[in-house]
């Protein structure tokens, strides 16, 4: 890995922010494809690749129905794109590892959105209404387990960096 690549990756990790407000500009199909492809490249245990995606574009009637499934409806309503991330239970082999894989997939997509100049936020609260989401989207909730919805679009806000000191994360001195 070159120094430039290393610096770019670390910079993206430090600069990515959760963006919850978007302007009205559409997101290109190519950008959405790039983000989905980044999710596809996330690590998974035994390389089982259990994540599945469903994309809802602004104006799709399901967007309004999804906003009724979360207390963050204003974010869902304002997004140009919603990426619903599921685990395919038929592709899973270990609950913990498969959920970790979904987290890695989501992080990859958030970083890809940032790299493309887009804003995005990981909506996790919506999984509390997973059955309603499955019904809205017409997916088999028994087979596909909702992990999150990623709301994305062109940012209409600056993200704020809020992190504890590294020492606060440490269980013992390093």
N, C-alpha and C. Protein backbone atom coordinates (compact mmCIF):
# COMPACT_ATOMS: atom_id res chain seq x y z
N UNK A 1 0.85 -1.17 0.00
CA UNK A 1 0.00 0.00 0.00
C UNK A 1 0.90 1.24 0.00
N UNK A 2 0.58 2.17 -0.84
CA UNK A 2 1.39 3.38 -0.91
C UNK A 2 1.06 4.31 0.25
N UNK A 3 1.95 5.23 0.52
CA UNK A 3 1.72 6.23 1.57
C UNK A 3 0.48 7.07 1.26
N UNK A 4 0.28 7.42 -0.01
CA UNK A 4 -0.89 8.21 -0.40
C UNK A 4 -2.19 7.45 -0.12
N UNK A 5 -2.21 6.16 -0.44
CA UNK A 5 -3.39 5.35 -0.19
C UNK A 5 -3.64 5.22 1.31
N UNK A 6 -2.60 4.94 2.06
CA UNK A 6 -2.72 4.82 3.51
C UNK A 6 -3.29 6.11 4.10
N UNK A 7 -2.74 7.25 3.67
CA UNK A 7 -3.21 8.54 4.17
C UNK A 7 -4.67 8.78 3.80
N UNK A 8 -5.05 8.44 2.58
CA UNK A 8 -6.43 8.65 2.13
C UNK A 8 -7.41 7.81 2.93
N UNK A 9 -7.06 6.57 3.20
CA UNK A 9 -7.94 5.69 3.98
C UNK A 9 -8.11 6.23 5.39
N UNK A 10 -7.00 6.56 6.04
CA UNK A 10 -7.09 7.08 7.42
C UNK A 10 -7.83 8.41 7.46
N UNK A 11 -7.62 9.25 6.47
CA UNK A 11 -8.32 10.53 6.41
C UNK A 11 -9.83 10.30 6.30
N UNK A 12 -10.24 9.37 5.44
CA UNK A 12 -11.66 9.07 5.28
C UNK A 12 -12.26 8.55 6.59
N UNK A 13 -11.53 7.71 7.30
CA UNK A 13 -12.02 7.19 8.59
C UNK A 13 -12.23 8.32 9.59
N UNK A 14 -11.35 9.29 9.58
CA UNK A 14 -11.43 10.39 10.54
C UNK A 14 -12.43 11.47 10.13
N UNK A 15 -12.67 11.62 8.84
CA UNK A 15 -13.52 12.71 8.36
C UNK A 15 -14.98 12.31 8.13
N UNK A 16 -15.27 11.03 7.99
CA UNK A 16 -16.65 10.61 7.75
C UNK A 16 -17.53 11.01 8.94
N UNK A 17 -18.69 11.54 8.64
CA UNK A 17 -19.63 11.95 9.67
C UNK A 17 -21.03 11.46 9.32
N UNK A 18 -21.85 11.30 10.33
CA UNK A 18 -23.25 10.99 10.10
C UNK A 18 -23.96 12.26 9.65
N UNK A 19 -24.57 12.20 8.49
CA UNK A 19 -25.28 13.34 7.92
C UNK A 19 -26.77 12.99 7.91
N UNK A 20 -27.56 13.88 8.50
CA UNK A 20 -28.98 13.62 8.68
C UNK A 20 -29.89 14.56 7.89
N UNK A 21 -29.29 15.54 7.21
CA UNK A 21 -30.06 16.46 6.37
C UNK A 21 -29.45 16.51 4.98
N UNK A 22 -30.32 16.44 3.99
CA UNK A 22 -29.89 16.35 2.61
C UNK A 22 -30.59 17.43 1.78
N UNK A 23 -29.91 17.88 0.71
CA UNK A 23 -30.59 18.79 -0.21
C UNK A 23 -31.39 17.97 -1.21
N UNK A 24 -32.05 18.63 -2.13
CA UNK A 24 -32.97 17.95 -3.04
C UNK A 24 -32.29 17.33 -4.26
N UNK A 25 -30.98 17.45 -4.39
CA UNK A 25 -30.29 16.91 -5.56
C UNK A 25 -30.39 15.39 -5.60
N UNK A 26 -30.64 14.83 -6.77
CA UNK A 26 -30.70 13.37 -6.87
C UNK A 26 -29.30 12.75 -6.77
N UNK A 27 -29.27 11.50 -6.42
CA UNK A 27 -28.03 10.73 -6.37
C UNK A 27 -28.02 9.82 -7.60
N UNK A 28 -26.90 9.82 -8.30
CA UNK A 28 -26.83 9.04 -9.54
C UNK A 28 -26.88 7.54 -9.28
N UNK A 29 -27.38 6.85 -10.26
CA UNK A 29 -27.42 5.38 -10.22
C UNK A 29 -26.00 4.82 -10.06
N UNK A 30 -25.03 5.46 -10.73
CA UNK A 30 -23.63 5.02 -10.66
C UNK A 30 -23.09 5.14 -9.24
N UNK A 31 -23.42 6.24 -8.56
CA UNK A 31 -22.97 6.40 -7.18
C UNK A 31 -23.59 5.35 -6.26
N UNK A 32 -24.87 5.10 -6.45
CA UNK A 32 -25.54 4.07 -5.63
C UNK A 32 -24.90 2.71 -5.89
N UNK A 33 -24.62 2.40 -7.13
CA UNK A 33 -23.96 1.14 -7.48
C UNK A 33 -22.60 1.04 -6.79
N UNK A 34 -21.85 2.13 -6.82
CA UNK A 34 -20.52 2.15 -6.17
C UNK A 34 -20.63 1.89 -4.67
N UNK A 35 -21.64 2.46 -4.04
CA UNK A 35 -21.85 2.27 -2.60
C UNK A 35 -22.24 0.83 -2.30
N UNK A 36 -23.16 0.27 -3.09
CA UNK A 36 -23.56 -1.12 -2.90
C UNK A 36 -22.38 -2.06 -3.12
N UNK A 37 -21.56 -1.76 -4.12
CA UNK A 37 -20.40 -2.59 -4.39
C UNK A 37 -19.42 -2.56 -3.23
N UNK A 38 -19.26 -1.39 -2.60
CA UNK A 38 -18.38 -1.30 -1.42
C UNK A 38 -18.91 -2.20 -0.30
N UNK A 39 -20.22 -2.23 -0.12
CA UNK A 39 -20.80 -3.11 0.89
C UNK A 39 -20.55 -4.57 0.59
N UNK A 40 -20.61 -4.91 -0.68
CA UNK A 40 -20.38 -6.29 -1.12
C UNK A 40 -18.98 -6.78 -0.77
N UNK A 41 -18.01 -5.85 -0.70
CA UNK A 41 -16.63 -6.22 -0.44
C UNK A 41 -16.29 -6.30 1.05
N UNK A 42 -17.26 -6.14 1.93
CA UNK A 42 -17.00 -6.26 3.37
C UNK A 42 -16.61 -7.70 3.71
N UNK A 43 -15.79 -7.87 4.73
CA UNK A 43 -15.44 -9.23 5.15
C UNK A 43 -16.65 -9.95 5.75
N UNK A 44 -16.66 -11.26 5.61
CA UNK A 44 -17.69 -12.08 6.25
C UNK A 44 -17.06 -13.41 6.63
N UNK A 45 -17.55 -13.98 7.73
CA UNK A 45 -17.04 -15.26 8.20
C UNK A 45 -17.24 -16.33 7.15
N UNK A 46 -16.22 -17.12 6.90
CA UNK A 46 -16.24 -18.18 5.88
C UNK A 46 -16.58 -17.63 4.50
N UNK A 47 -16.45 -16.31 4.33
CA UNK A 47 -16.78 -15.65 3.07
C UNK A 47 -18.20 -16.00 2.61
N UNK A 48 -19.12 -16.11 3.58
CA UNK A 48 -20.50 -16.49 3.24
C UNK A 48 -21.32 -15.36 2.62
N UNK A 49 -20.85 -14.11 2.75
CA UNK A 49 -21.48 -12.96 2.11
C UNK A 49 -23.00 -12.93 2.30
N UNK A 50 -23.46 -12.80 3.56
CA UNK A 50 -24.89 -12.92 3.83
C UNK A 50 -25.72 -11.65 3.64
N UNK A 51 -25.09 -10.52 3.35
CA UNK A 51 -25.84 -9.26 3.25
C UNK A 51 -26.59 -9.15 1.93
N UNK A 52 -27.79 -8.58 2.02
CA UNK A 52 -28.62 -8.33 0.86
C UNK A 52 -29.13 -6.89 0.96
N UNK A 53 -29.38 -6.27 -0.20
CA UNK A 53 -29.75 -4.86 -0.23
C UNK A 53 -31.06 -4.65 -0.98
N UNK A 54 -31.79 -3.66 -0.54
CA UNK A 54 -32.96 -3.19 -1.26
C UNK A 54 -32.89 -1.67 -1.27
N UNK A 55 -32.95 -1.07 -2.45
CA UNK A 55 -32.80 0.38 -2.61
C UNK A 55 -34.16 1.01 -2.86
N UNK A 56 -34.43 2.07 -2.10
CA UNK A 56 -35.65 2.86 -2.29
C UNK A 56 -35.22 4.28 -2.65
N UNK A 57 -35.70 4.76 -3.80
CA UNK A 57 -35.37 6.12 -4.26
C UNK A 57 -36.42 7.11 -3.77
N UNK A 58 -36.00 8.36 -3.64
CA UNK A 58 -36.92 9.44 -3.29
C UNK A 58 -38.09 9.45 -4.26
N UNK A 59 -39.28 9.62 -3.73
CA UNK A 59 -40.48 9.62 -4.57
C UNK A 59 -41.17 8.28 -4.64
N UNK A 60 -40.46 7.20 -4.30
CA UNK A 60 -41.06 5.87 -4.25
C UNK A 60 -42.07 5.88 -3.09
N UNK A 61 -43.27 5.38 -3.31
CA UNK A 61 -44.29 5.39 -2.26
C UNK A 61 -43.84 4.67 -0.99
N UNK A 62 -42.89 3.74 -1.13
CA UNK A 62 -42.41 3.02 0.04
C UNK A 62 -41.60 3.92 0.97
N UNK A 63 -41.05 5.03 0.46
CA UNK A 63 -40.29 5.94 1.30
C UNK A 63 -41.19 6.49 2.41
N UNK A 64 -42.37 6.96 2.06
CA UNK A 64 -43.30 7.47 3.06
C UNK A 64 -43.73 6.41 4.06
N UNK A 65 -43.95 5.21 3.56
CA UNK A 65 -44.33 4.10 4.44
C UNK A 65 -43.19 3.74 5.38
N UNK A 66 -41.95 3.80 4.89
CA UNK A 66 -40.80 3.53 5.76
C UNK A 66 -40.66 4.61 6.83
N UNK A 67 -40.97 5.84 6.48
CA UNK A 67 -40.84 6.92 7.47
C UNK A 67 -41.81 6.71 8.63
N UNK A 68 -42.92 6.01 8.36
CA UNK A 68 -43.87 5.69 9.43
C UNK A 68 -43.35 4.58 10.35
N UNK A 69 -42.24 3.94 9.97
CA UNK A 69 -41.67 2.83 10.74
C UNK A 69 -40.57 3.27 11.70
N UNK A 70 -40.32 4.58 11.81
CA UNK A 70 -39.21 5.04 12.65
C UNK A 70 -39.51 6.40 13.25
N UNK A 71 -38.93 6.65 14.40
CA UNK A 71 -39.06 7.98 15.00
C UNK A 71 -38.17 8.99 14.28
N UNK A 72 -37.34 8.53 13.36
CA UNK A 72 -36.48 9.41 12.57
C UNK A 72 -37.07 9.63 11.17
N UNK A 73 -38.38 9.80 11.12
CA UNK A 73 -39.07 9.94 9.84
C UNK A 73 -38.56 11.13 9.04
N UNK A 74 -38.15 12.19 9.71
CA UNK A 74 -37.65 13.37 8.98
C UNK A 74 -36.38 13.04 8.18
N UNK A 75 -35.58 12.12 8.68
CA UNK A 75 -34.37 11.71 7.95
C UNK A 75 -34.77 10.86 6.74
N UNK A 76 -35.65 9.91 6.96
CA UNK A 76 -36.12 9.04 5.88
C UNK A 76 -36.79 9.88 4.78
N UNK A 77 -37.64 10.81 5.18
CA UNK A 77 -38.35 11.65 4.22
C UNK A 77 -37.41 12.53 3.40
N UNK A 78 -36.30 12.95 4.01
CA UNK A 78 -35.39 13.87 3.34
C UNK A 78 -34.31 13.22 2.50
N UNK A 79 -34.18 11.91 2.58
CA UNK A 79 -33.11 11.21 1.88
C UNK A 79 -33.44 11.02 0.40
N UNK A 80 -32.42 11.11 -0.43
CA UNK A 80 -32.58 10.82 -1.85
C UNK A 80 -32.63 9.33 -2.10
N UNK A 81 -31.90 8.59 -1.26
CA UNK A 81 -31.79 7.13 -1.38
C UNK A 81 -31.87 6.51 0.00
N UNK A 82 -32.56 5.39 0.10
CA UNK A 82 -32.56 4.56 1.31
C UNK A 82 -32.05 3.19 0.90
N UNK A 83 -30.99 2.75 1.57
CA UNK A 83 -30.48 1.40 1.33
C UNK A 83 -30.84 0.55 2.53
N UNK A 84 -31.71 -0.41 2.32
CA UNK A 84 -32.12 -1.32 3.37
C UNK A 84 -31.17 -2.51 3.34
N UNK A 85 -30.54 -2.77 4.48
CA UNK A 85 -29.54 -3.83 4.57
C UNK A 85 -30.13 -4.98 5.37
N UNK A 86 -30.09 -6.16 4.78
CA UNK A 86 -30.63 -7.36 5.40
C UNK A 86 -29.56 -8.44 5.48
N UNK A 87 -29.75 -9.38 6.39
CA UNK A 87 -29.00 -10.63 6.38
C UNK A 87 -29.93 -11.69 5.80
N UNK A 88 -29.41 -12.46 4.87
CA UNK A 88 -30.14 -13.59 4.32
C UNK A 88 -29.89 -14.77 5.26
N UNK A 89 -30.88 -15.12 6.04
CA UNK A 89 -30.71 -16.18 7.04
C UNK A 89 -30.28 -17.51 6.40
N UNK A 90 -30.62 -17.73 5.14
CA UNK A 90 -30.21 -18.97 4.47
C UNK A 90 -28.72 -18.97 4.15
N UNK A 91 -28.09 -17.79 4.14
CA UNK A 91 -26.66 -17.70 3.86
C UNK A 91 -25.84 -17.60 5.15
N UNK A 92 -26.51 -17.48 6.29
CA UNK A 92 -25.81 -17.29 7.57
C UNK A 92 -25.31 -18.61 8.13
N UNK A 93 -24.26 -18.50 8.96
CA UNK A 93 -23.78 -19.70 9.63
C UNK A 93 -23.50 -19.47 11.11
N UNK A 94 -23.28 -18.23 11.52
CA UNK A 94 -23.01 -17.93 12.92
C UNK A 94 -23.60 -16.55 13.22
N UNK A 95 -24.55 -16.50 14.14
CA UNK A 95 -25.28 -15.26 14.40
C UNK A 95 -24.35 -14.09 14.69
N UNK A 96 -23.40 -14.28 15.58
CA UNK A 96 -22.51 -13.18 15.95
C UNK A 96 -21.66 -12.72 14.77
N UNK A 97 -21.03 -13.67 14.09
CA UNK A 97 -20.17 -13.30 12.96
C UNK A 97 -20.96 -12.67 11.83
N UNK A 98 -22.16 -13.16 11.57
CA UNK A 98 -22.96 -12.61 10.49
C UNK A 98 -23.42 -11.19 10.81
N UNK A 99 -23.77 -10.92 12.07
CA UNK A 99 -24.12 -9.55 12.46
C UNK A 99 -22.90 -8.63 12.36
N UNK A 100 -21.72 -9.14 12.73
CA UNK A 100 -20.50 -8.34 12.57
C UNK A 100 -20.24 -8.04 11.10
N UNK A 101 -20.49 -9.01 10.25
CA UNK A 101 -20.33 -8.81 8.82
C UNK A 101 -21.25 -7.72 8.31
N UNK A 102 -22.48 -7.70 8.79
CA UNK A 102 -23.43 -6.66 8.38
C UNK A 102 -22.92 -5.28 8.82
N UNK A 103 -22.35 -5.20 10.03
CA UNK A 103 -21.78 -3.94 10.49
C UNK A 103 -20.64 -3.48 9.60
N UNK A 104 -19.78 -4.41 9.22
CA UNK A 104 -18.66 -4.07 8.32
C UNK A 104 -19.18 -3.62 6.96
N UNK A 105 -20.20 -4.27 6.47
CA UNK A 105 -20.82 -3.92 5.19
C UNK A 105 -21.37 -2.50 5.25
N UNK A 106 -22.08 -2.19 6.31
CA UNK A 106 -22.66 -0.86 6.47
C UNK A 106 -21.56 0.19 6.56
N UNK A 107 -20.52 -0.09 7.32
CA UNK A 107 -19.40 0.86 7.43
C UNK A 107 -18.75 1.08 6.07
N UNK A 108 -18.55 0.03 5.31
CA UNK A 108 -17.99 0.18 3.96
C UNK A 108 -18.86 1.12 3.12
N UNK A 109 -20.16 0.95 3.20
CA UNK A 109 -21.06 1.79 2.41
C UNK A 109 -21.03 3.24 2.88
N UNK A 110 -20.95 3.46 4.18
CA UNK A 110 -20.85 4.83 4.70
C UNK A 110 -19.57 5.50 4.23
N UNK A 111 -18.47 4.76 4.24
CA UNK A 111 -17.19 5.31 3.77
C UNK A 111 -17.23 5.57 2.26
N UNK A 112 -17.87 4.69 1.51
CA UNK A 112 -17.99 4.91 0.07
C UNK A 112 -18.81 6.16 -0.21
N UNK A 113 -19.91 6.34 0.50
CA UNK A 113 -20.73 7.54 0.32
C UNK A 113 -19.90 8.79 0.60
N UNK A 114 -19.13 8.76 1.67
CA UNK A 114 -18.26 9.89 2.02
C UNK A 114 -17.25 10.15 0.90
N UNK A 115 -16.64 9.10 0.39
CA UNK A 115 -15.65 9.24 -0.68
C UNK A 115 -16.26 9.85 -1.95
N UNK A 116 -17.55 9.62 -2.15
CA UNK A 116 -18.24 10.15 -3.33
C UNK A 116 -18.81 11.55 -3.09
N UNK A 117 -18.52 12.11 -1.91
CA UNK A 117 -19.02 13.45 -1.60
C UNK A 117 -20.46 13.48 -1.16
N UNK A 118 -21.00 12.32 -0.82
CA UNK A 118 -22.38 12.23 -0.35
C UNK A 118 -22.41 12.17 1.17
N UNK A 119 -23.55 12.43 1.73
CA UNK A 119 -23.75 12.28 3.16
C UNK A 119 -24.62 11.07 3.41
N UNK A 120 -24.42 10.44 4.56
CA UNK A 120 -25.20 9.25 4.89
C UNK A 120 -25.26 9.07 6.39
N UNK A 121 -26.28 8.35 6.83
CA UNK A 121 -26.41 8.01 8.24
C UNK A 121 -26.98 6.60 8.35
N UNK A 122 -26.49 5.89 9.33
CA UNK A 122 -26.91 4.52 9.64
C UNK A 122 -28.09 4.63 10.59
N UNK A 123 -29.27 4.22 10.14
CA UNK A 123 -30.46 4.22 10.98
C UNK A 123 -30.66 2.82 11.56
N UNK A 124 -30.44 2.70 12.85
CA UNK A 124 -30.57 1.40 13.50
C UNK A 124 -31.88 1.24 14.24
N UNK A 125 -32.47 2.33 14.70
CA UNK A 125 -33.69 2.27 15.49
C UNK A 125 -34.82 1.60 14.73
N UNK A 126 -34.79 1.70 13.41
CA UNK A 126 -35.85 1.16 12.57
C UNK A 126 -35.97 -0.36 12.67
N UNK A 127 -34.90 -1.04 13.12
CA UNK A 127 -34.99 -2.51 13.25
C UNK A 127 -36.00 -2.92 14.32
N UNK A 128 -36.36 -1.99 15.20
CA UNK A 128 -37.39 -2.30 16.20
C UNK A 128 -38.76 -2.53 15.54
N UNK A 129 -38.90 -2.11 14.31
CA UNK A 129 -40.13 -2.29 13.55
C UNK A 129 -39.85 -3.15 12.31
N UNK A 130 -38.96 -4.12 12.46
CA UNK A 130 -38.53 -4.94 11.32
C UNK A 130 -39.69 -5.61 10.59
N UNK A 131 -40.68 -6.07 11.32
CA UNK A 131 -41.82 -6.73 10.67
C UNK A 131 -42.59 -5.74 9.79
N UNK A 132 -42.78 -4.53 10.29
CA UNK A 132 -43.46 -3.50 9.51
C UNK A 132 -42.65 -3.14 8.27
N UNK A 133 -41.32 -3.02 8.43
CA UNK A 133 -40.45 -2.69 7.30
C UNK A 133 -40.54 -3.79 6.24
N UNK A 134 -40.49 -5.05 6.67
CA UNK A 134 -40.59 -6.16 5.71
C UNK A 134 -41.91 -6.09 4.94
N UNK A 135 -42.98 -5.78 5.66
CA UNK A 135 -44.29 -5.68 4.99
C UNK A 135 -44.31 -4.53 3.99
N UNK A 136 -43.78 -3.38 4.37
CA UNK A 136 -43.73 -2.21 3.47
C UNK A 136 -42.94 -2.55 2.21
N UNK A 137 -41.82 -3.25 2.39
CA UNK A 137 -40.93 -3.54 1.27
C UNK A 137 -41.32 -4.80 0.50
N UNK A 138 -42.21 -5.59 1.06
CA UNK A 138 -42.64 -6.81 0.39
C UNK A 138 -41.58 -7.90 0.41
N UNK A 139 -40.77 -7.92 1.48
CA UNK A 139 -39.75 -8.97 1.59
C UNK A 139 -40.17 -9.98 2.66
N UNK A 140 -39.65 -11.16 2.55
CA UNK A 140 -39.91 -12.24 3.49
C UNK A 140 -39.12 -11.98 4.77
N UNK A 141 -39.79 -11.51 5.80
CA UNK A 141 -39.14 -11.20 7.07
C UNK A 141 -38.61 -12.41 7.81
N UNK A 142 -39.07 -13.58 7.47
CA UNK A 142 -38.53 -14.80 8.07
C UNK A 142 -37.16 -15.12 7.49
N UNK A 143 -37.00 -14.89 6.22
CA UNK A 143 -35.73 -15.19 5.56
C UNK A 143 -34.73 -14.02 5.68
N UNK A 144 -35.22 -12.79 5.53
CA UNK A 144 -34.34 -11.62 5.49
C UNK A 144 -34.50 -10.81 6.78
N UNK A 145 -33.41 -10.73 7.54
CA UNK A 145 -33.41 -10.02 8.82
C UNK A 145 -32.87 -8.60 8.61
N UNK A 146 -33.70 -7.60 8.88
CA UNK A 146 -33.30 -6.21 8.73
C UNK A 146 -32.18 -5.87 9.70
N UNK A 147 -31.11 -5.25 9.16
CA UNK A 147 -29.97 -4.83 9.97
C UNK A 147 -29.93 -3.32 10.17
N UNK A 148 -30.32 -2.58 9.15
CA UNK A 148 -30.29 -1.12 9.21
C UNK A 148 -30.86 -0.58 7.92
N UNK A 149 -31.13 0.71 7.94
CA UNK A 149 -31.43 1.45 6.73
C UNK A 149 -30.41 2.59 6.68
N UNK A 150 -29.76 2.72 5.54
CA UNK A 150 -28.82 3.82 5.33
C UNK A 150 -29.56 4.89 4.53
N UNK A 151 -29.68 6.07 5.13
CA UNK A 151 -30.26 7.21 4.44
C UNK A 151 -29.11 8.00 3.84
N UNK A 152 -29.23 8.36 2.54
CA UNK A 152 -28.14 9.11 1.94
C UNK A 152 -28.64 10.10 0.92
N UNK A 153 -27.77 11.05 0.65
CA UNK A 153 -28.06 12.10 -0.32
C UNK A 153 -26.92 13.10 -0.32
N UNK A 154 -27.14 14.20 -0.99
CA UNK A 154 -26.16 15.28 -0.99
C UNK A 154 -26.33 16.06 0.31
N UNK A 155 -25.26 16.25 1.08
CA UNK A 155 -25.38 16.85 2.42
C UNK A 155 -25.91 18.28 2.39
N UNK A 156 -26.73 18.58 3.38
CA UNK A 156 -27.23 19.92 3.61
C UNK A 156 -26.87 20.33 5.04
N UNK A 157 -25.74 19.83 5.52
CA UNK A 157 -25.23 20.15 6.85
C UNK A 157 -23.77 19.74 6.92
N UNK A 158 -23.08 20.28 7.89
CA UNK A 158 -21.73 19.82 8.20
C UNK A 158 -21.84 18.85 9.36
N UNK A 159 -21.12 17.75 9.28
CA UNK A 159 -21.11 16.80 10.39
C UNK A 159 -20.17 17.29 11.48
N UNK A 160 -20.45 16.89 12.70
CA UNK A 160 -19.62 17.27 13.83
C UNK A 160 -18.86 16.06 14.34
N UNK A 161 -17.59 16.29 14.64
CA UNK A 161 -16.75 15.22 15.19
C UNK A 161 -16.92 15.18 16.70
N UNK A 162 -17.44 14.09 17.19
CA UNK A 162 -17.59 13.90 18.63
C UNK A 162 -17.06 12.51 18.96
N UNK A 163 -15.90 12.47 19.55
CA UNK A 163 -15.31 11.20 19.96
C UNK A 163 -14.64 11.39 21.31
N UNK A 164 -14.74 10.39 22.14
CA UNK A 164 -13.99 10.39 23.39
C UNK A 164 -12.51 10.23 23.09
N UNK A 165 -11.69 10.55 24.07
CA UNK A 165 -10.26 10.33 23.93
C UNK A 165 -10.00 8.84 23.81
N UNK A 166 -8.94 8.47 23.11
CA UNK A 166 -8.59 7.06 22.93
C UNK A 166 -8.41 6.38 24.29
N UNK A 167 -7.86 7.09 25.26
CA UNK A 167 -7.65 6.50 26.59
C UNK A 167 -8.97 6.02 27.21
N UNK A 168 -10.07 6.67 26.86
CA UNK A 168 -11.38 6.27 27.40
C UNK A 168 -11.84 4.92 26.86
N UNK A 169 -11.28 4.49 25.75
CA UNK A 169 -11.64 3.20 25.16
C UNK A 169 -10.82 2.04 25.72
N UNK A 170 -9.71 2.37 26.34
CA UNK A 170 -8.75 1.35 26.75
C UNK A 170 -9.14 0.69 28.08
N UNK A 171 -9.09 -0.63 28.11
CA UNK A 171 -9.35 -1.35 29.35
C UNK A 171 -8.13 -1.36 30.24
N UNK A 172 -6.97 -1.20 29.63
CA UNK A 172 -5.73 -1.07 30.38
C UNK A 172 -4.78 -0.22 29.55
N UNK A 173 -3.75 0.33 30.20
CA UNK A 173 -2.81 1.21 29.51
C UNK A 173 -2.08 0.44 28.41
N UNK A 174 -1.85 1.13 27.32
CA UNK A 174 -1.16 0.51 26.18
C UNK A 174 0.20 1.15 26.04
